Each structure stands twice: as C-alpha cells, then as structure tokens.
Amino acid sequence: MNKLKITGIIALCVSTLFACKKSDDAPGTAATLTITQPVLNQTYDFGDTVHIHAMAAHVAPLHGSHVMILNNNNDTLFHAHDHSHAKEISIHDMWINNLTSSQGLRVIIACPIDHDGLEVKKEVIIKVLDAVQL
C-alpha cells in the first residue's frame, strides 16, 4: 500500500512539473495571428461550408486556440477549442451555414499566451445570404 501511495505522489509531482507554466521567454514580444480563411466580407449561401484557417506563433508556447462565430446579437453559432501547447499553432475548422436569413457574422480566433488572460485575437466579418426558397 505504501508503494502505491509513493508511486501516486511521484506521478503527481511529475505531472505538475510538466503542466502549464509561465514562460519568461522574451517578455513583451508580440504573438502573431494570421487568418487566411475566411477573408473579409466573404459571402456564403445557405449550406455552404465556412472554412477557417489560421496560423498563430509566439516565441513562448501558446496555450491553444478558440474559434468562434458570432451573430449580431453576440450569440455563439460555432465554438471550437484546442488546448495544445506549441510555439506555432495551425488552426483548421469548419462550420456549415445553416442560417436562412442574410446577416453579418464575426469569425473570431483567439490564442491564449498565458493562463492570466493575455491573448492574441483577431476577427473577420463574413456575410451569409438568404436561403433560396424552392
């Protein structure tokens, strides 16, 4: 039983050692976030797939990414989250337009730099068109 407790304590210590931690690498160095798709004011018909592609980079490891699509009322239509730790994060998601009325939407991508709320964030406005009545 004692060996089991000691093994558990060692495992906890090792996992804590390799868990998320602050990095003091190049303080003040800005992270970059480049959204390649969608492009500003891109239009989508009902049923079209909105492909979301971006690349984030920083000298210290980023703490994942959030991809959101919001309507004009700030209602969340789509949200994807990835909690990977890397100096470069490639983002690839998609959402199928299921809206039947024309409106502007905000595609927002945010990558946390630390666990204290610092993040790099960008958004692109897209437009969805009325569904064609058959």
C-alpha atoms as a PDB file:
ATOM      1  CA  MET A   1       0.000   0.000   0.000  1.00  0.00           C
ATOM      2  CA  ASN A   2       2.857   2.397   0.830  1.00  0.00           C
ATOM      3  CA  LYS A   3       4.445   1.713  -2.557  1.00  0.00           C
ATOM      4  CA  LEU A   4       1.147   2.641  -4.222  1.00  0.00           C
ATOM      5  CA  LYS A   5       0.960   5.938  -2.290  1.00  0.00           C
ATOM      6  CA  ILE A   6       4.580   6.776  -3.103  1.00  0.00           C
ATOM      7  CA  THR A   7       4.026   5.957  -6.785  1.00  0.00           C
ATOM      8  CA  GLY A   8       0.932   8.194  -6.809  1.00  0.00           C
ATOM      9  CA  ILE A   9       2.825  11.073  -5.194  1.00  0.00           C
ATOM     10  CA  ILE A  10       5.691  10.736  -7.672  1.00  0.00           C
ATOM     11  CA  ALA A  11       3.259  10.679 -10.607  1.00  0.00           C
ATOM     12  CA  LEU A  12       1.542  13.808  -9.282  1.00  0.00           C
ATOM     13  CA  CYS A  13       4.873  15.605  -8.879  1.00  0.00           C
ATOM     14  CA  VAL A  14       5.998  14.674 -12.390  1.00  0.00           C
ATOM     15  CA  SER A  15       2.703  15.764 -13.977  1.00  0.00           C
ATOM     16  CA  THR A  16       2.853  19.076 -12.082  1.00  0.00           C
ATOM     17  CA  LEU A  17       6.405  19.611 -13.291  1.00  0.00           C
ATOM     18  CA  PHE A  18       5.359  19.258 -16.935  1.00  0.00           C
ATOM     19  CA  ALA A  19       1.990  21.032 -16.698  1.00  0.00           C
ATOM     20  CA  CYS A  20       1.230  24.530 -17.961  1.00  0.00           C
ATOM     21  CA  LYS A  21       3.636  27.063 -16.605  1.00  0.00           C
ATOM     22  CA  LYS A  22       4.541  30.657 -17.224  1.00  0.00           C
ATOM     23  CA  SER A  23       7.328  31.330 -19.637  1.00  0.00           C
ATOM     24  CA  ASP A  24       9.548  34.358 -19.291  1.00  0.00           C
ATOM     25  CA  ASP A  25      10.945  33.945 -22.807  1.00  0.00           C
ATOM     26  CA  ALA A  26      11.191  37.345 -24.486  1.00  0.00           C
ATOM     27  CA  PRO A  27       8.678  39.290 -22.386  1.00  0.00           C
ATOM     28  CA  GLY A  28       6.883  41.926 -24.420  1.00  0.00           C
ATOM     29  CA  THR A  29       7.362  40.061 -27.695  1.00  0.00           C
ATOM     30  CA  ALA A  30       4.069  40.131 -29.546  1.00  0.00           C
ATOM     31  CA  ALA A  31       2.437  36.950 -30.733  1.00  0.00           C
ATOM     32  CA  THR A  32       1.261  36.819 -34.347  1.00  0.00           C
ATOM     33  CA  LEU A  33      -2.035  35.540 -35.676  1.00  0.00           C
ATOM     34  CA  THR A  34      -2.727  35.349 -39.403  1.00  0.00           C
ATOM     35  CA  ILE A  35      -6.172  34.383 -40.669  1.00  0.00           C
ATOM     36  CA  THR A  36      -6.024  33.060 -44.237  1.00  0.00           C
ATOM     37  CA  GLN A  37      -9.658  31.920 -44.475  1.00  0.00           C
ATOM     38  CA  PRO A  38     -12.274  33.284 -44.479  1.00  0.00           C
ATOM     39  CA  VAL A  39     -11.435  36.656 -45.996  1.00  0.00           C
ATOM     40  CA  LEU A  40     -13.101  39.935 -45.055  1.00  0.00           C
ATOM     41  CA  ASN A  41     -16.710  40.236 -46.321  1.00  0.00           C
ATOM     42  CA  GLN A  42     -16.673  36.796 -47.943  1.00  0.00           C
ATOM     43  CA  THR A  43     -20.245  35.703 -48.685  1.00  0.00           C
ATOM     44  CA  TYR A  44     -21.799  32.297 -48.106  1.00  0.00           C
ATOM     45  CA  ASP A  45     -25.079  30.811 -49.279  1.00  0.00           C
ATOM     46  CA  PHE A  46     -27.238  28.509 -47.172  1.00  0.00           C
ATOM     47  CA  GLY A  47     -25.482  25.138 -46.860  1.00  0.00           C
ATOM     48  CA  ASP A  48     -22.041  26.485 -47.785  1.00  0.00           C
ATOM     49  CA  THR A  49     -19.080  25.432 -45.666  1.00  0.00           C
ATOM     50  CA  VAL A  50     -17.118  28.205 -43.993  1.00  0.00           C
ATOM     51  CA  HIS A  51     -13.515  27.009 -43.870  1.00  0.00           C
ATOM     52  CA  ILE A  52     -11.452  28.601 -41.116  1.00  0.00           C
ATOM     53  CA  HIS A  53      -7.663  28.523 -41.441  1.00  0.00           C
ATOM     54  CA  ALA A  54      -5.154  30.483 -39.394  1.00  0.00           C
ATOM     55  CA  MET A  55      -1.621  30.333 -38.012  1.00  0.00           C
ATOM     56  CA  ALA A  56      -0.554  31.639 -34.606  1.00  0.00           C
ATOM     57  CA  ALA A  57       3.039  31.961 -33.424  1.00  0.00           C
ATOM     58  CA  HIS A  58       4.949  33.235 -30.410  1.00  0.00           C
ATOM     59  CA  VAL A  59       8.461  32.847 -29.000  1.00  0.00           C
ATOM     60  CA  ALA A  60       6.987  31.072 -25.962  1.00  0.00           C
ATOM     61  CA  PRO A  61       4.432  28.267 -26.220  1.00  0.00           C
ATOM     62  CA  LEU A  62       0.861  29.366 -26.847  1.00  0.00           C
ATOM     63  CA  HIS A  63      -1.918  27.746 -24.845  1.00  0.00           C
ATOM     64  CA  GLY A  64      -4.262  26.521 -27.565  1.00  0.00           C
ATOM     65  CA  SER A  65      -6.899  28.329 -29.602  1.00  0.00           C
ATOM     66  CA  HIS A  66     -10.555  29.307 -29.604  1.00  0.00           C
ATOM     67  CA  VAL A  67     -12.531  29.701 -32.819  1.00  0.00           C
ATOM     68  CA  MET A  68     -15.957  31.325 -32.587  1.00  0.00           C
ATOM     69  CA  ILE A  69     -18.625  32.512 -34.987  1.00  0.00           C
ATOM     70  CA  LEU A  70     -20.990  35.095 -33.506  1.00  0.00           C
ATOM     71  CA  ASN A  71     -24.069  36.794 -34.946  1.00  0.00           C
ATOM     72  CA  ASN A  72     -25.006  40.471 -34.487  1.00  0.00           C
ATOM     73  CA  ASN A  73     -26.598  39.672 -31.088  1.00  0.00           C
ATOM     74  CA  ASN A  74     -23.317  38.069 -29.934  1.00  0.00           C
ATOM     75  CA  ASP A  75     -24.984  34.651 -29.904  1.00  0.00           C
ATOM     76  CA  THR A  76     -22.435  31.886 -30.409  1.00  0.00           C
ATOM     77  CA  LEU A  77     -23.197  29.895 -33.562  1.00  0.00           C
ATOM     78  CA  PHE A  78     -19.963  27.897 -33.501  1.00  0.00           C
ATOM     79  CA  HIS A  79     -17.174  27.352 -30.971  1.00  0.00           C
ATOM     80  CA  ALA A  80     -14.135  25.100 -31.176  1.00  0.00           C
ATOM     81  CA  HIS A  81     -11.358  24.887 -28.596  1.00  0.00           C
ATOM     82  CA  ASP A  82      -7.946  23.271 -28.762  1.00  0.00           C
ATOM     83  CA  HIS A  83      -5.655  23.183 -25.731  1.00  0.00           C
ATOM     84  CA  SER A  84      -2.313  22.346 -27.276  1.00  0.00           C
ATOM     85  CA  HIS A  85       0.979  23.872 -26.173  1.00  0.00           C
ATOM     86  CA  ALA A  86       3.247  24.942 -29.001  1.00  0.00           C
ATOM     87  CA  LYS A  87       5.137  27.951 -30.302  1.00  0.00           C
ATOM     88  CA  GLU A  88       3.215  27.609 -33.570  1.00  0.00           C
ATOM     89  CA  ILE A  89      -0.409  26.554 -33.799  1.00  0.00           C
ATOM     90  CA  SER A  90      -2.121  25.737 -37.071  1.00  0.00           C
ATOM     91  CA  ILE A  91      -5.892  26.226 -36.892  1.00  0.00           C
ATOM     92  CA  HIS A  92      -8.278  24.375 -39.214  1.00  0.00           C
ATOM     93  CA  ASP A  93     -12.001  24.280 -38.520  1.00  0.00           C
ATOM     94  CA  MET A  94     -15.229  24.476 -40.491  1.00  0.00           C
ATOM     95  CA  TRP A  95     -18.856  25.424 -39.988  1.00  0.00           C
ATOM     96  CA  ILE A  96     -21.790  24.787 -42.323  1.00  0.00           C
ATOM     97  CA  ASN A  97     -24.037  27.813 -42.781  1.00  0.00           C
ATOM     98  CA  ASN A  98     -27.466  26.761 -41.563  1.00  0.00           C
ATOM     99  CA  LEU A  99     -28.908  30.289 -41.318  1.00  0.00           C
ATOM    100  CA  THR A 100     -31.859  31.177 -43.527  1.00  0.00           C
ATOM    101  CA  SER A 101     -31.645  34.988 -43.376  1.00  0.00           C
ATOM    102  CA  SER A 102     -28.961  37.396 -44.574  1.00  0.00           C
ATOM    103  CA  GLN A 103     -26.707  38.756 -41.874  1.00  0.00           C
ATOM    104  CA  GLY A 104     -23.161  39.641 -40.999  1.00  0.00           C
ATOM    105  CA  LEU A 105     -21.213  37.279 -38.757  1.00  0.00           C
ATOM    106  CA  ARG A 106     -17.963  37.650 -36.860  1.00  0.00           C
ATOM    107  CA  VAL A 107     -15.367  34.893 -37.078  1.00  0.00           C
ATOM    108  CA  ILE A 108     -13.121  35.340 -34.038  1.00  0.00           C
ATOM    109  CA  ILE A 109      -9.903  33.473 -33.361  1.00  0.00           C
ATOM    110  CA  ALA A 110      -8.117  33.865 -30.034  1.00  0.00           C
ATOM    111  CA  CYS A 111      -4.949  32.174 -28.804  1.00  0.00           C
ATOM    112  CA  PRO A 112      -4.112  32.455 -25.108  1.00  0.00           C
ATOM    113  CA  ILE A 113      -0.487  33.371 -24.457  1.00  0.00           C
ATOM    114  CA  ASP A 114      -0.723  32.527 -20.755  1.00  0.00           C
ATOM    115  CA  HIS A 115      -3.292  31.487 -18.165  1.00  0.00           C
ATOM    116  CA  ASP A 116      -3.651  35.057 -16.864  1.00  0.00           C
ATOM    117  CA  GLY A 117      -5.863  36.257 -19.745  1.00  0.00           C
ATOM    118  CA  LEU A 118      -3.206  37.567 -22.143  1.00  0.00           C
ATOM    119  CA  GLU A 119      -4.096  36.511 -25.695  1.00  0.00           C
ATOM    120  CA  VAL A 120      -3.654  37.344 -29.350  1.00  0.00           C
ATOM    121  CA  LYS A 121      -7.033  37.795 -31.042  1.00  0.00           C
ATOM    122  CA  LYS A 122      -8.340  38.684 -34.491  1.00  0.00           C
ATOM    123  CA  GLU A 123     -11.690  38.700 -36.206  1.00  0.00           C
ATOM    124  CA  VAL A 124     -13.055  38.692 -39.739  1.00  0.00           C
ATOM    125  CA  ILE A 125     -16.527  39.774 -40.803  1.00  0.00           C
ATOM    126  CA  ILE A 126     -18.353  37.438 -43.205  1.00  0.00           C
ATOM    127  CA  LYS A 127     -21.822  37.592 -44.738  1.00  0.00           C
ATOM    128  CA  VAL A 128     -24.414  34.875 -45.085  1.00  0.00           C
ATOM    129  CA  LEU A 129     -27.167  35.285 -47.667  1.00  0.00           C
ATOM    130  CA  ASP A 130     -30.890  34.473 -47.623  1.00  0.00           C
ATOM    131  CA  ALA A 131     -31.714  30.858 -48.272  1.00  0.00           C
ATOM    132  CA  VAL A 132     -33.265  30.453 -51.715  1.00  0.00           C
ATOM    133  CA  GLN A 133     -36.839  29.224 -51.486  1.00  0.00           C
ATOM    134  CA  LEU A 134     -37.544  26.379 -53.953  1.00  0.00           C
END
